[in-house]
């Protein structure tokens, strides 16, 4: 029997965050394009709903000048 215990730091209890790409990553560093793609954003005004985890928050912080976040 496999028992999975939730980590307090990473367990978000279903909390999500909506991220919208509002600016093109063209002209910025290549790793920022990789972060935008890693978030699942494909084109301007494309919105994705992601789990609100520390890793996701870190990615959003890295490209905060390109995206808009709604809780």
N, C-alpha and C. Protein backbone atom coordinates (compact mmCIF):
# COMPACT_ATOMS: atom_id res chain seq x y z
N UNK A 1 0.84 -1.18 0.00
CA UNK A 1 0.00 0.00 0.00
C UNK A 1 0.89 1.24 0.00
N UNK A 2 0.61 2.16 -0.90
CA UNK A 2 1.39 3.38 -1.03
C UNK A 2 0.65 4.53 -0.34
N UNK A 3 1.31 5.16 0.61
CA UNK A 3 0.72 6.29 1.32
C UNK A 3 1.51 7.54 0.94
N UNK A 4 0.81 8.53 0.42
CA UNK A 4 1.45 9.78 0.02
C UNK A 4 1.08 10.85 1.02
N UNK A 5 2.08 11.41 1.66
CA UNK A 5 1.84 12.47 2.63
C UNK A 5 2.09 13.80 1.94
N UNK A 6 1.21 14.74 2.14
CA UNK A 6 1.35 16.06 1.53
C UNK A 6 2.36 16.89 2.31
N UNK A 7 3.22 17.55 1.58
CA UNK A 7 4.19 18.45 2.17
C UNK A 7 3.49 19.78 2.43
N UNK A 8 3.64 20.36 3.60
CA UNK A 8 2.96 21.62 3.91
C UNK A 8 3.36 22.73 2.97
N UNK A 9 4.63 22.73 2.55
CA UNK A 9 5.11 23.82 1.70
C UNK A 9 4.60 23.70 0.28
N UNK A 10 4.41 22.49 -0.23
CA UNK A 10 4.03 22.32 -1.62
C UNK A 10 2.57 21.96 -1.81
N UNK A 11 1.89 21.58 -0.74
CA UNK A 11 0.47 21.25 -0.86
C UNK A 11 -0.33 22.53 -0.94
N UNK A 12 -1.00 22.78 -2.07
CA UNK A 12 -1.71 24.03 -2.27
C UNK A 12 -3.21 23.89 -2.10
N UNK A 13 -3.66 22.68 -1.83
CA UNK A 13 -5.08 22.43 -1.60
C UNK A 13 -5.95 22.97 -2.73
N UNK A 14 -5.50 22.78 -3.96
CA UNK A 14 -6.31 23.16 -5.12
C UNK A 14 -6.19 24.60 -5.54
N UNK A 15 -5.35 25.40 -4.91
CA UNK A 15 -5.20 26.80 -5.28
C UNK A 15 -4.56 26.89 -6.67
N UNK A 16 -5.09 27.79 -7.49
CA UNK A 16 -4.55 27.98 -8.83
C UNK A 16 -4.31 29.45 -9.08
N UNK A 17 -3.56 29.72 -10.13
CA UNK A 17 -3.26 31.09 -10.52
C UNK A 17 -3.38 31.14 -12.05
N UNK A 18 -3.98 32.20 -12.57
CA UNK A 18 -4.12 32.37 -14.02
C UNK A 18 -3.02 33.31 -14.51
N UNK A 19 -2.32 32.89 -15.54
CA UNK A 19 -1.21 33.66 -16.09
C UNK A 19 -1.51 33.94 -17.56
N UNK A 20 -1.39 35.22 -17.95
CA UNK A 20 -1.64 35.63 -19.33
C UNK A 20 -0.39 36.29 -19.88
N UNK A 21 0.01 35.89 -21.08
CA UNK A 21 1.15 36.52 -21.75
C UNK A 21 0.67 37.82 -22.38
N UNK A 22 1.23 38.95 -21.96
CA UNK A 22 0.78 40.25 -22.47
C UNK A 22 1.84 40.93 -23.32
N UNK A 23 3.08 40.40 -23.28
CA UNK A 23 4.16 40.99 -24.07
C UNK A 23 5.01 39.89 -24.68
N UNK A 24 5.52 40.12 -25.87
CA UNK A 24 6.31 39.13 -26.56
C UNK A 24 7.68 38.98 -25.91
N UNK A 25 8.16 37.73 -25.80
CA UNK A 25 9.51 37.52 -25.26
C UNK A 25 10.61 37.78 -26.28
N UNK A 26 10.25 38.14 -27.50
CA UNK A 26 11.26 38.45 -28.52
C UNK A 26 12.04 39.69 -28.06
N UNK A 27 13.34 39.63 -28.16
CA UNK A 27 14.19 40.74 -27.76
C UNK A 27 14.70 40.63 -26.33
N UNK A 28 14.19 39.65 -25.59
CA UNK A 28 14.68 39.40 -24.24
C UNK A 28 15.58 38.18 -24.28
N UNK A 29 16.20 37.87 -23.17
CA UNK A 29 17.12 36.74 -23.14
C UNK A 29 16.41 35.43 -23.46
N UNK A 30 17.15 34.52 -24.04
CA UNK A 30 16.59 33.24 -24.51
C UNK A 30 15.99 32.43 -23.36
N UNK A 31 16.60 32.51 -22.18
CA UNK A 31 16.07 31.72 -21.06
C UNK A 31 14.69 32.21 -20.63
N UNK A 32 14.37 33.46 -20.89
CA UNK A 32 13.03 33.97 -20.56
C UNK A 32 11.99 33.38 -21.51
N UNK A 33 12.36 33.18 -22.78
CA UNK A 33 11.47 32.50 -23.71
C UNK A 33 11.22 31.07 -23.23
N UNK A 34 12.25 30.42 -22.72
CA UNK A 34 12.11 29.06 -22.21
C UNK A 34 11.16 29.01 -21.02
N UNK A 35 11.22 30.01 -20.16
CA UNK A 35 10.33 30.07 -19.00
C UNK A 35 8.88 30.28 -19.45
N UNK A 36 8.69 31.17 -20.42
CA UNK A 36 7.33 31.41 -20.94
C UNK A 36 6.77 30.12 -21.52
N UNK A 37 7.57 29.41 -22.29
CA UNK A 37 7.12 28.13 -22.87
C UNK A 37 6.88 27.10 -21.76
N UNK A 38 7.72 27.12 -20.73
CA UNK A 38 7.56 26.20 -19.61
C UNK A 38 6.28 26.43 -18.84
N UNK A 39 5.82 27.68 -18.82
CA UNK A 39 4.54 27.99 -18.19
C UNK A 39 3.36 27.53 -19.05
N UNK A 40 3.64 27.20 -20.31
CA UNK A 40 2.57 26.74 -21.20
C UNK A 40 1.99 27.84 -22.05
N UNK A 41 2.61 29.00 -22.05
CA UNK A 41 2.10 30.13 -22.82
C UNK A 41 2.65 30.07 -24.24
N UNK A 42 1.77 30.21 -25.22
CA UNK A 42 2.18 30.04 -26.61
C UNK A 42 2.13 31.33 -27.42
N UNK A 43 1.20 32.20 -27.12
CA UNK A 43 1.05 33.43 -27.91
C UNK A 43 0.55 34.55 -27.01
N UNK A 44 0.60 35.76 -27.49
CA UNK A 44 0.13 36.91 -26.72
C UNK A 44 -1.38 36.77 -26.47
N UNK A 45 -1.80 37.13 -25.27
CA UNK A 45 -3.17 37.02 -24.76
C UNK A 45 -3.61 35.57 -24.53
N UNK A 46 -2.65 34.64 -24.51
CA UNK A 46 -2.96 33.25 -24.18
C UNK A 46 -2.92 33.12 -22.66
N UNK A 47 -3.95 32.54 -22.08
CA UNK A 47 -4.05 32.39 -20.63
C UNK A 47 -4.03 30.92 -20.25
N UNK A 48 -3.27 30.59 -19.22
CA UNK A 48 -3.23 29.24 -18.69
C UNK A 48 -3.50 29.31 -17.19
N UNK A 49 -4.08 28.24 -16.67
CA UNK A 49 -4.34 28.14 -15.23
C UNK A 49 -3.38 27.11 -14.67
N UNK A 50 -2.55 27.54 -13.72
CA UNK A 50 -1.51 26.69 -13.17
C UNK A 50 -1.71 26.52 -11.68
N UNK A 51 -1.17 25.42 -11.15
CA UNK A 51 -1.18 25.21 -9.71
C UNK A 51 -0.28 26.23 -9.04
N UNK A 52 -0.73 26.78 -7.95
CA UNK A 52 0.02 27.82 -7.24
C UNK A 52 1.05 27.18 -6.33
N UNK A 53 2.24 26.92 -6.88
CA UNK A 53 3.34 26.32 -6.12
C UNK A 53 4.51 27.28 -6.09
N UNK A 54 5.46 27.07 -5.20
CA UNK A 54 6.64 27.93 -5.17
C UNK A 54 7.41 27.90 -6.49
N UNK A 55 7.46 26.77 -7.16
CA UNK A 55 8.16 26.68 -8.44
C UNK A 55 7.47 27.53 -9.50
N UNK A 56 6.15 27.48 -9.54
CA UNK A 56 5.40 28.28 -10.50
C UNK A 56 5.57 29.76 -10.19
N UNK A 57 5.52 30.11 -8.92
CA UNK A 57 5.71 31.51 -8.52
C UNK A 57 7.10 32.02 -8.93
N UNK A 58 8.11 31.18 -8.83
CA UNK A 58 9.45 31.56 -9.23
C UNK A 58 9.55 31.80 -10.72
N UNK A 59 8.88 30.97 -11.50
CA UNK A 59 8.88 31.15 -12.96
C UNK A 59 8.17 32.45 -13.33
N UNK A 60 7.04 32.71 -12.68
CA UNK A 60 6.28 33.93 -12.95
C UNK A 60 7.13 35.15 -12.59
N UNK A 61 7.86 35.06 -11.49
CA UNK A 61 8.70 36.18 -11.06
C UNK A 61 9.79 36.48 -12.09
N UNK A 62 10.31 35.45 -12.71
CA UNK A 62 11.39 35.62 -13.69
C UNK A 62 10.92 36.37 -14.94
N UNK A 63 9.64 36.20 -15.31
CA UNK A 63 9.12 36.86 -16.52
C UNK A 63 7.96 37.79 -16.17
N UNK A 64 8.03 38.42 -14.99
CA UNK A 64 6.93 39.25 -14.51
C UNK A 64 6.67 40.46 -15.41
N UNK A 65 7.65 40.88 -16.21
CA UNK A 65 7.47 42.00 -17.11
C UNK A 65 6.77 41.59 -18.40
N UNK A 66 6.55 40.28 -18.60
CA UNK A 66 5.91 39.79 -19.82
C UNK A 66 4.51 39.24 -19.58
N UNK A 67 4.17 38.98 -18.33
CA UNK A 67 2.90 38.31 -18.03
C UNK A 67 2.05 39.14 -17.07
N UNK A 68 0.79 38.76 -17.03
CA UNK A 68 -0.17 39.35 -16.08
C UNK A 68 -0.76 38.19 -15.29
N UNK A 69 -0.86 38.36 -13.97
CA UNK A 69 -1.30 37.28 -13.09
C UNK A 69 -2.59 37.66 -12.41
N UNK A 70 -3.56 36.72 -12.42
CA UNK A 70 -4.79 36.90 -11.65
C UNK A 70 -4.96 35.68 -10.76
N UNK A 71 -5.41 35.90 -9.57
CA UNK A 71 -5.54 34.81 -8.61
C UNK A 71 -6.83 34.05 -8.83
